[in-house]
């Protein structure tokens, strides 16, 4: 026997058989889809009167139509909500959605007074990575937190070009100027987004801590000792041995430590050092260009005020011409000041950022040199240990077991050092390609914006003076 169950609310009005399907409980599949082929009159023929069966059929059809409209509305709302969260029709937390991790550094606020004053930033993270706590997280961070993140990543990701941080202001009075704060905010935003978009660095546990942890957890993470104070005793002994060896080399006049001899790598080092010099030179002249625009803007402003005062002393057409000349000068002064700010943010700062980026590459190159020297020193030490072990075996000394243990331990350490060096070489090869592509894009955009801004400014200056010429010529001919 077929069972037909209808979910709904029966109207209590006398003589009316009506069904109202609750909108809040409409599932994604219509509940009537499996009943569409049922002949209600035949089904109820043996149970109720035909007239009541026809009435029931009509009521069910009305409910079916209503449910379809409600379902369509619910589906449209659902899709719109998902598009607003992830930019697609898929859920932002679903595994099939395109993975993304975007960070915004916003709302700089000065906190504290005197030497204890600092700037805090609101860091907003949006992601669908499953290892994160949710699709959006907002935390408060200060500059020293960004420094912590940079240091931790540099310590753990040898061979990767770590994005550079903006430097601290060396002049106390500029620390809290609006211009400096905005430049730093923009640079910090670029810094953290470069990490978030990097295929290796975005997997960092420290990055997740930085983007998600509350202030108390962040403070605990920062208080954990890093660097030399967190190294194992054996690592500290190795550091002291390295220092002792270097001091002995200097005192005894021994040759400098062996350096990597690789033609391609030598070309890369030459390119990096040359690039740093040229970028620094370009940034220096960009700074002068910004300064010149600011000074010219200020001069035009001062000139405009003076000419307007001069026009006030004159009458008729001459005074009016002077007044308009002053107004145009002040207007152009504002345009020059705006262009100076645009040059600073979109031209000088990108150049300065790439000077810092090259310095970060040089730090990675220094790590590669250290790894290569450590590899060579261990290989040399192994050879000496091997010779010593051979002598002990021939002499059947009791120290053979101890010597073998030291030899095997040193060999394992050497293999680890070789693996570490090869990893750095591999990562650097990938990183230099990525750096070149990013540099081409960023520098191309910076110089395009520079040329566009200068061209627009030149046209506006020419138009302003050109519009003033007829009035000045009329004044001269009067």
Protein backbone atom coordinates (compact mmCIF):
# COMPACT_ATOMS: atom_id res chain seq x y z
CA UNK A 1 0.00 0.00 0.00
CA UNK A 2 1.38 3.39 -1.05
CA UNK A 3 1.77 5.94 1.69
CA UNK A 4 1.43 9.65 0.84
CA UNK A 5 2.51 12.14 3.52
CA UNK A 6 2.00 15.88 3.03
CA UNK A 7 3.93 18.33 5.18
CA UNK A 8 2.12 21.57 5.78
CA UNK A 9 -0.21 23.61 7.92
CA UNK A 10 -3.96 23.14 7.40
CA UNK A 11 -5.99 26.31 7.54
CA UNK A 12 -8.58 26.39 10.34
CA UNK A 13 -11.03 28.48 8.28
CA UNK A 14 -14.45 26.69 7.94
CA UNK A 15 -15.12 25.11 4.53
CA UNK A 16 -11.57 25.75 3.22
CA UNK A 17 -8.92 23.11 2.78
CA UNK A 18 -5.69 25.12 2.42
CA UNK A 19 -2.03 24.30 2.85
CA UNK A 20 0.67 26.84 3.73
CA UNK A 21 4.20 25.52 3.44
CA UNK A 22 6.54 27.22 5.99
CA UNK A 23 9.13 29.27 4.04
CA UNK A 24 11.80 28.76 6.69
CA UNK A 25 11.65 24.98 6.33
CA UNK A 26 11.77 24.73 2.51
CA UNK A 27 14.72 22.42 1.67
CA UNK A 28 16.89 22.76 -1.44
CA UNK A 29 14.83 20.08 -3.20
CA UNK A 30 11.07 20.59 -3.54
CA UNK A 31 9.17 18.22 -1.22
CA UNK A 32 6.55 17.73 -3.90
CA UNK A 33 8.89 16.46 -6.61
CA UNK A 34 8.25 12.81 -5.72
CA UNK A 35 4.45 13.27 -5.69
CA UNK A 36 3.97 15.06 -8.99
CA UNK A 37 2.74 11.91 -10.81
CA UNK A 38 0.21 10.95 -8.13
CA UNK A 39 -3.44 11.08 -9.25
CA UNK A 40 -5.01 12.43 -6.08
CA UNK A 41 -8.61 11.71 -7.21
CA UNK A 42 -7.79 8.03 -7.85
CA UNK A 43 -5.75 7.75 -4.67
CA UNK A 44 -8.52 9.06 -2.42
CA UNK A 45 -11.42 7.60 -4.46
CA UNK A 46 -11.85 4.64 -2.17
CA UNK A 47 -11.33 6.70 1.01
CA UNK A 48 -13.17 10.03 0.67
CA UNK A 49 -15.86 11.66 -1.43
CA UNK A 50 -14.86 12.71 -5.00
CA UNK A 51 -15.73 16.37 -4.34
CA UNK A 52 -13.41 16.51 -1.32
CA UNK A 53 -10.70 14.70 -3.29
CA UNK A 54 -10.90 17.31 -6.11
CA UNK A 55 -10.71 20.12 -3.55
CA UNK A 56 -7.69 18.47 -1.97
CA UNK A 57 -6.01 18.10 -5.38
CA UNK A 58 -6.50 21.78 -6.16
CA UNK A 59 -5.07 22.77 -2.76
CA UNK A 60 -2.03 20.57 -3.29
CA UNK A 61 -1.44 22.11 -6.73
CA UNK A 62 -1.58 25.62 -5.24
CA UNK A 63 0.88 24.61 -2.54
CA UNK A 64 3.14 23.02 -5.17
CA UNK A 65 3.26 26.26 -7.19
CA UNK A 66 3.83 28.35 -4.06
CA UNK A 67 6.62 26.05 -2.89
CA UNK A 68 8.38 26.36 -6.25
CA UNK A 69 8.37 30.16 -6.02
CA UNK A 70 9.57 30.07 -2.41
CA UNK A 71 12.28 27.57 -3.37
CA UNK A 72 13.47 29.73 -6.26
CA UNK A 73 13.68 32.75 -3.96
CA UNK A 74 15.58 30.78 -1.30
CA UNK A 75 18.06 29.46 -3.88
CA UNK A 76 18.68 32.95 -5.27
CA UNK A 77 19.32 34.29 -1.76
CA UNK A 78 21.67 31.41 -1.03
CA UNK A 79 23.70 31.94 -4.21
CA UNK A 80 23.90 35.70 -3.64
CA UNK A 81 25.18 35.12 -0.12
CA UNK A 82 27.89 32.75 -1.32
CA UNK A 83 28.97 35.13 -4.09
CA UNK A 84 29.32 37.92 -1.56
CA UNK A 85 31.53 35.74 0.63
CA UNK A 86 33.87 34.23 -1.96
CA UNK A 87 33.24 35.92 -5.28
CA UNK A 88 31.84 32.69 -6.76
CA UNK A 89 28.84 30.39 -6.49
CA UNK A 90 30.83 28.06 -4.25
CA UNK A 91 31.12 28.19 -0.50
CA UNK A 92 34.32 29.95 0.60
CA UNK A 93 35.10 27.11 3.00
CA UNK A 94 34.48 24.30 0.51
CA UNK A 95 37.44 22.34 -0.82
CA UNK A 96 36.35 23.00 -4.43
CA UNK A 97 36.49 26.81 -4.05
CA UNK A 98 39.58 28.56 -5.39
CA UNK A 99 41.96 29.03 -2.41
CA UNK A 100 42.70 32.62 -1.46
CA UNK A 101 44.37 34.53 1.36
CA UNK A 102 44.17 38.32 1.34
CA UNK A 103 45.30 40.69 4.08
CA UNK A 104 44.64 44.41 4.61
CA UNK A 105 46.59 46.64 6.98
CA UNK A 106 44.34 49.58 7.85
CA UNK A 107 43.40 52.20 10.44
CA UNK A 108 46.71 53.29 11.99
CA UNK A 109 46.14 54.68 15.48
CA UNK A 110 48.65 56.35 17.82
CA UNK A 111 48.70 54.87 21.32
CA UNK A 112 50.66 55.93 24.38
CA UNK A 113 52.66 59.08 25.04
CA UNK A 114 56.26 60.21 24.85
CA UNK A 115 58.90 57.55 24.23
CA UNK A 116 56.30 54.83 24.91
CA UNK A 117 54.07 55.98 22.03
CA UNK A 118 53.55 53.64 19.09
CA UNK A 119 51.21 53.08 16.14
CA UNK A 120 48.78 50.16 16.08
CA UNK A 121 47.22 48.77 12.90
CA UNK A 122 44.05 46.83 12.18
CA UNK A 123 44.98 43.69 10.23
CA UNK A 124 42.04 42.14 8.36
CA UNK A 125 42.42 38.64 6.95
CA UNK A 126 40.01 37.02 4.49
CA UNK A 127 40.61 33.42 3.46
CA UNK A 128 39.10 30.04 2.73
CA UNK A 129 42.16 28.07 3.88
CA UNK A 130 40.88 25.22 6.11
CA UNK A 131 43.68 25.67 8.66
CA UNK A 132 42.42 29.17 9.51
CA UNK A 133 39.75 29.80 12.13
CA UNK A 134 37.18 31.30 9.77
CA UNK A 135 36.61 33.27 6.56
CA UNK A 136 37.47 36.60 8.23
CA UNK A 137 39.59 37.64 11.19
CA UNK A 138 40.50 41.09 12.53
CA UNK A 139 43.44 41.61 14.89
CA UNK A 140 45.42 44.59 16.17
CA UNK A 141 49.17 44.63 15.52
CA UNK A 142 52.05 47.04 15.97
CA UNK A 143 55.30 47.46 14.05
CA UNK A 144 57.27 45.20 16.40
CA UNK A 145 54.82 42.36 15.63
CA UNK A 146 55.67 42.67 11.93
CA UNK A 147 59.37 42.59 12.86
CA UNK A 148 58.76 39.37 14.83
CA UNK A 149 57.05 37.77 11.83
CA UNK A 150 59.88 38.79 9.49
CA UNK A 151 62.57 37.40 11.84
CA UNK A 152 60.74 34.11 12.35
CA UNK A 153 60.24 33.53 8.64
CA UNK A 154 63.85 34.43 7.83
CA UNK A 155 65.01 31.93 10.47
CA UNK A 156 62.88 29.09 9.12
CA UNK A 157 62.84 29.59 5.34
CA UNK A 158 66.47 29.62 4.23
CA UNK A 159 66.81 30.22 0.49
CA UNK A 160 63.56 32.18 0.16
CA UNK A 161 63.76 35.91 -0.54
CA UNK A 162 61.96 37.29 2.50
CA UNK A 163 59.90 40.44 1.70
CA UNK A 164 61.52 43.51 3.28
CA UNK A 165 60.06 45.57 6.09
CA UNK A 166 59.93 49.38 5.99
CA UNK A 167 62.70 50.89 8.07
CA UNK A 168 62.15 52.85 11.25
CA UNK A 169 62.25 56.63 11.13
CA UNK A 170 65.64 57.91 12.28
CA UNK A 171 64.23 61.36 12.99
CA UNK A 172 62.01 61.49 16.08
CA UNK A 173 59.83 64.40 14.89
CA UNK A 174 58.79 62.49 11.74
CA UNK A 175 57.77 59.29 13.57
CA UNK A 176 54.13 60.31 13.89
CA UNK A 177 53.70 62.58 10.89
CA UNK A 178 50.66 61.70 8.75
CA UNK A 179 52.81 61.18 5.67
CA UNK A 180 55.25 58.81 7.41
CA UNK A 181 52.42 56.82 9.03
CA UNK A 182 50.68 56.34 5.67
CA UNK A 183 53.92 55.33 3.96
CA UNK A 184 54.61 52.76 6.66
CA UNK A 185 51.03 51.43 6.57
CA UNK A 186 51.27 50.95 2.82
CA UNK A 187 54.69 49.26 3.11
CA UNK A 188 53.45 46.92 5.87
CA UNK A 189 50.42 46.02 3.74
CA UNK A 190 52.72 45.13 0.84
CA UNK A 191 55.02 43.16 3.16
CA UNK A 192 52.36 40.93 4.66
CA UNK A 193 50.55 40.36 1.34
CA UNK A 194 53.79 39.27 -0.32
CA UNK A 195 54.15 36.66 2.40
CA UNK A 196 50.48 35.64 2.10
CA UNK A 197 50.76 35.23 -1.70
CA UNK A 198 54.02 33.24 -1.59
CA UNK A 199 53.47 29.51 -2.13
CA UNK A 200 56.00 28.56 0.57
CA UNK A 201 55.63 31.35 3.09
CA UNK A 202 51.81 31.29 3.19
CA UNK A 203 52.04 27.87 4.86
CA UNK A 204 53.96 29.35 7.80
CA UNK A 205 52.56 28.61 11.23
CA UNK A 206 53.99 31.94 12.41
CA UNK A 207 51.98 33.73 9.73
CA UNK A 208 48.80 32.06 10.99
CA UNK A 209 49.67 33.14 14.53
CA UNK A 210 50.30 36.70 13.35
CA UNK A 211 47.00 36.89 11.44
CA UNK A 212 44.75 35.14 13.97
CA UNK A 213 46.09 35.16 17.52
CA UNK A 214 44.64 37.46 20.14
CA UNK A 215 46.96 40.01 21.76
CA UNK A 216 47.76 37.79 24.74
CA UNK A 217 48.68 34.80 22.56
CA UNK A 218 50.70 37.04 20.28
CA UNK A 219 52.60 38.45 23.25
CA UNK A 220 53.43 34.91 24.43
CA UNK A 221 54.67 33.98 20.97
CA UNK A 222 56.86 37.07 20.82
CA UNK A 223 58.30 36.42 24.27
CA UNK A 224 59.62 33.01 23.19
CA UNK A 225 63.37 33.29 22.83
CA UNK A 226 64.72 32.97 19.34
CA UNK A 227 68.15 33.10 17.80
CA UNK A 228 71.24 32.25 19.84
CA UNK A 229 69.36 32.03 23.14
CA UNK A 230 67.08 29.25 21.92
CA UNK A 231 69.76 27.08 20.37
CA UNK A 232 70.71 23.72 21.82
CA UNK A 233 73.95 23.41 23.84
CA UNK A 234 75.52 21.50 20.94
CA UNK A 235 74.62 24.33 18.56
CA UNK A 236 76.15 26.87 20.94
CA UNK A 237 79.36 24.82 21.14
CA UNK A 238 79.50 24.77 17.35
CA UNK A 239 79.10 28.57 17.28
CA UNK A 240 81.98 28.99 19.73
CA UNK A 241 84.12 26.58 17.69
CA UNK A 242 83.39 28.53 14.51
CA UNK A 243 84.34 31.80 16.24
CA UNK A 244 87.54 30.24 17.60
CA UNK A 245 88.43 28.90 14.16
CA UNK A 246 87.86 32.30 12.53
CA UNK A 247 89.96 34.07 15.18
CA UNK A 248 92.76 31.52 14.67
CA UNK A 249 92.63 32.08 10.91
CA UNK A 250 93.01 35.82 11.40
CA UNK A 251 95.86 35.51 13.94
CA UNK A 252 97.79 32.89 11.99
CA UNK A 253 97.20 34.56 8.66
CA UNK A 254 95.53 31.54 7.08
CA UNK A 255 93.70 31.74 3.79
CA UNK A 256 90.15 32.99 3.67
CA UNK A 257 87.36 30.36 3.80
CA UNK A 258 86.62 28.73 0.46
CA UNK A 259 83.83 30.34 -1.54
CA UNK A 260 81.44 28.86 -4.04
CA UNK A 261 82.80 28.84 -7.58
CA UNK A 262 79.82 28.77 -9.91
CA UNK A 263 79.82 30.90 -13.05
CA UNK A 264 76.05 31.36 -13.13
CA UNK A 265 75.95 32.24 -9.45
CA UNK A 266 78.79 34.72 -9.90
CA UNK A 267 76.79 36.42 -12.65
CA UNK A 268 73.78 36.55 -10.34
CA UNK A 269 75.82 38.13 -7.53
CA UNK A 270 77.24 40.70 -9.93
CA UNK A 271 73.74 41.52 -11.19
CA UNK A 272 72.34 41.90 -7.65
CA UNK A 273 75.11 44.23 -6.50
CA UNK A 274 74.81 46.30 -9.69
CA UNK A 275 71.01 46.41 -9.39
CA UNK A 276 71.28 47.68 -5.82
CA UNK A 277 73.55 50.55 -6.90
CA UNK A 278 71.30 51.59 -9.80
CA UNK A 279 68.10 51.36 -7.75
CA UNK A 280 69.65 53.41 -4.96
CA UNK A 281 70.72 56.06 -7.47
CA UNK A 282 67.28 56.16 -9.07
CA UNK A 283 65.62 56.41 -5.65
CA UNK A 284 67.93 59.29 -4.68
CA UNK A 285 66.92 61.29 -7.75
CA UNK A 286 63.25 60.39 -7.25
CA UNK A 287 63.56 61.88 -3.76
CA UNK A 288 64.99 65.08 -5.28
CA UNK A 289 62.15 65.17 -7.80
CA UNK A 290 59.55 64.91 -5.05
CA UNK A 291 61.32 67.63 -3.10
CA UNK A 292 61.42 69.88 -6.18
CA UNK A 293 57.67 69.49 -6.75
CA UNK A 294 56.98 70.35 -3.12
CA UNK A 295 59.22 73.41 -3.22
CA UNK A 296 57.79 74.61 -6.54
CA UNK A 297 54.26 74.14 -5.19
CA UNK A 298 55.10 76.15 -2.08
CA UNK A 299 56.76 78.87 -4.17
CA UNK A 300 53.72 79.16 -6.42
CA UNK A 301 51.48 79.38 -3.36
CA UNK A 302 53.57 82.19 -1.90
CA UNK A 303 53.72 83.93 -5.28
CA UNK A 304 49.95 83.66 -5.70
CA UNK A 305 49.27 85.28 -2.34
CA UNK A 306 51.73 88.11 -3.07
CA UNK A 307 50.24 88.81 -6.52
CA UNK A 308 46.69 88.88 -5.12
CA UNK A 309 47.77 91.45 -2.54
CA UNK A 310 49.39 93.42 -5.34
CA UNK A 311 46.16 93.26 -7.35
CA UNK A 312 44.24 94.65 -4.40
CA UNK A 313 46.35 97.82 -4.64
CA UNK A 314 45.52 98.29 -8.30
CA UNK A 315 42.23 99.15 -9.87
CA UNK A 316 40.35 98.35 -13.04
CA UNK A 317 41.60 95.61 -15.37
CA UNK A 318 45.16 95.46 -13.99
CA UNK A 319 44.04 94.65 -10.47
CA UNK A 320 41.61 92.02 -11.77
CA UNK A 321 44.35 90.43 -13.93
CA UNK A 322 46.71 90.26 -10.96
CA UNK A 323 43.99 88.71 -8.85
CA UNK A 324 43.32 86.00 -11.45
CA UNK A 325 47.06 85.39 -11.82
CA UNK A 326 47.29 84.83 -8.06
CA UNK A 327 44.30 82.49 -8.10
CA UNK A 328 45.80 80.41 -10.93
CA UNK A 329 49.12 80.24 -9.08
CA UNK A 330 47.46 78.97 -5.92
CA UNK A 331 45.46 76.42 -7.90
CA UNK A 332 48.61 75.14 -9.61
CA UNK A 333 50.34 75.06 -6.23
CA UNK A 334 47.75 72.57 -5.00
CA UNK A 335 48.19 70.43 -8.13
CA UNK A 336 51.97 70.38 -7.66
CA UNK A 337 51.63 69.42 -4.00
CA UNK A 338 49.24 66.60 -4.94
CA UNK A 339 51.58 65.39 -7.65
CA UNK A 340 54.48 65.49 -5.17
CA UNK A 341 52.49 63.21 -2.85
CA UNK A 342 51.64 60.86 -5.73
CA UNK A 343 55.30 60.74 -6.74
CA UNK A 344 56.28 59.91 -3.19
CA UNK A 345 53.78 57.08 -2.76
CA UNK A 346 53.75 55.60 -6.28
CA UNK A 347 57.27 56.27 -7.55
CA UNK A 348 59.87 56.98 -4.85
CA UNK A 349 58.49 54.46 -2.34
CA UNK A 350 58.40 51.53 -4.84
CA UNK A 351 62.02 52.29 -5.74
CA UNK A 352 62.96 52.41 -2.07
CA UNK A 353 61.06 49.17 -1.49
CA UNK A 354 63.10 47.42 -4.17
CA UNK A 355 66.33 48.70 -2.67
CA UNK A 356 65.25 46.94 0.52
CA UNK A 357 64.22 43.86 -1.48
CA UNK A 358 67.71 43.60 -2.99
CA UNK A 359 69.21 43.89 0.49
CA UNK A 360 66.98 40.99 1.53
CA UNK A 361 68.33 38.97 -1.42
CA UNK A 362 71.87 39.75 -0.28
CA UNK A 363 70.98 38.40 3.18
CA UNK A 364 69.82 35.16 1.53
CA UNK A 365 73.06 35.05 -0.45
CA UNK A 366 74.99 35.38 2.82
CA UNK A 367 73.02 32.40 4.20
CA UNK A 368 73.93 30.43 1.09
CA UNK A 369 77.61 31.30 1.55
CA UNK A 370 77.46 30.18 5.20
CA UNK A 371 75.80 26.90 4.22
CA UNK A 372 78.44 26.28 1.54
CA UNK A 373 81.33 26.99 3.93
CA UNK A 374 79.80 24.75 6.59
CA UNK A 375 79.44 21.97 4.03
CA UNK A 376 83.09 22.32 2.96
CA UNK A 377 84.39 22.48 6.55
CA UNK A 378 82.46 19.34 7.49
CA UNK A 379 83.74 17.52 4.42
CA UNK A 380 87.30 18.47 5.36
CA UNK A 381 86.79 17.38 8.96
CA UNK A 382 85.36 14.03 7.82
CA UNK A 383 88.48 13.33 5.79
CA UNK A 384 90.64 13.95 8.84
CA UNK A 385 88.41 11.76 10.99
CA UNK A 386 88.52 9.04 8.35
CA UNK A 387 92.33 9.07 8.34
CA UNK A 388 92.43 8.99 12.14
CA UNK A 389 89.92 6.13 12.24
CA UNK A 390 92.05 4.14 9.79
CA UNK A 391 95.11 4.54 11.99
CA UNK A 392 93.18 3.44 15.09
CA UNK A 393 91.89 0.33 13.29
CA UNK A 394 95.40 -0.60 12.17
CA UNK A 395 96.74 -0.16 15.68
CA UNK A 396 93.76 -2.06 17.15
CA UNK A 397 93.20 0.72 19.62
CA UNK A 398 90.46 0.63 22.26
CA UNK A 399 89.24 3.98 20.96
CA UNK A 400 88.03 2.55 17.63
CA UNK A 401 84.40 2.31 18.79
CA UNK A 402 84.34 5.89 20.02
CA UNK A 403 86.06 7.12 16.84
CA UNK A 404 83.58 5.23 14.64
CA UNK A 405 80.66 6.79 16.53
CA UNK A 406 82.11 10.30 16.08
CA UNK A 407 82.81 9.59 12.40
CA UNK A 408 79.25 8.36 11.70
CA UNK A 409 77.75 11.27 13.62
CA UNK A 410 79.86 13.74 11.68
CA UNK A 411 78.97 12.06 8.40
CA UNK A 412 75.26 12.38 9.15
CA UNK A 413 75.80 16.03 10.03
CA UNK A 414 77.66 16.53 6.75
CA UNK A 415 74.83 14.93 4.76
CA UNK A 416 72.36 17.22 6.50
CA UNK A 417 74.54 20.25 5.67
CA UNK A 418 74.76 19.18 2.03
CA UNK A 419 70.99 18.73 1.88
CA UNK A 420 70.50 22.17 3.47
CA UNK A 421 72.82 23.82 0.94
CA UNK A 422 71.15 22.09 -2.01
CA UNK A 423 67.74 23.21 -0.75
CA UNK A 424 68.94 26.82 -0.55
CA UNK A 425 70.35 26.60 -4.10
CA UNK A 426 67.09 25.14 -5.44
CA UNK A 427 64.92 27.72 -3.70
CA UNK A 428 67.12 30.61 -4.82
CA UNK A 429 66.87 29.46 -8.43
CA UNK A 430 63.08 29.56 -8.17
CA UNK A 431 63.07 32.81 -6.23
CA UNK A 432 65.21 34.79 -8.67
CA UNK A 433 62.77 33.98 -11.49
CA UNK A 434 59.83 35.09 -9.35
CA UNK A 435 61.71 38.23 -8.29
CA UNK A 436 62.49 39.19 -11.89
CA UNK A 437 58.88 38.77 -12.96
CA UNK A 438 57.55 40.75 -9.99
CA UNK A 439 60.16 43.49 -10.44
CA UNK A 440 59.32 43.88 -14.12
CA UNK A 441 55.63 44.24 -13.29
CA UNK A 442 56.09 46.61 -10.33
CA UNK A 443 58.72 48.84 -11.94
CA UNK A 444 56.75 48.97 -15.18
CA UNK A 445 53.69 50.15 -13.26
CA UNK A 446 55.71 52.70 -11.24
CA UNK A 447 57.29 54.28 -14.30
CA UNK A 448 53.98 54.22 -16.18
CA UNK A 449 52.28 56.08 -13.32
CA UNK A 450 55.21 58.51 -13.19
CA UNK A 451 54.99 59.34 -16.89
CA UNK A 452 51.20 59.54 -16.77
CA UNK A 453 51.23 61.89 -13.77
CA UNK A 454 53.90 64.14 -15.23
CA UNK A 455 52.09 64.37 -18.56
CA UNK A 456 48.78 65.20 -16.90
CA UNK A 457 50.43 67.80 -14.68
CA UNK A 458 52.18 69.44 -17.64
CA UNK A 459 48.89 69.67 -19.56
CA UNK A 460 47.06 71.18 -16.59
CA UNK A 461 49.82 73.75 -16.04
CA UNK A 462 49.83 74.66 -19.75
CA UNK A 463 46.02 74.95 -19.85
CA UNK A 464 45.97 77.13 -16.74
CA UNK A 465 48.54 79.62 -18.08
CA UNK A 466 47.01 79.52 -21.59
CA UNK A 467 43.57 80.45 -20.25
CA UNK A 468 45.11 83.45 -18.49
CA UNK A 469 46.98 84.85 -21.52
CA UNK A 470 44.05 86.66 -23.25
CA UNK A 471 43.23 88.61 -20.07
CA UNK A 472 46.86 89.59 -19.51
CA UNK A 473 47.26 90.59 -23.18
CA UNK A 474 44.11 92.72 -22.99
CA UNK A 475 45.48 94.39 -19.88
CA UNK A 476 48.80 95.17 -21.62
CA UNK A 477 47.10 96.66 -24.69
CA UNK A 478 44.76 98.85 -22.59
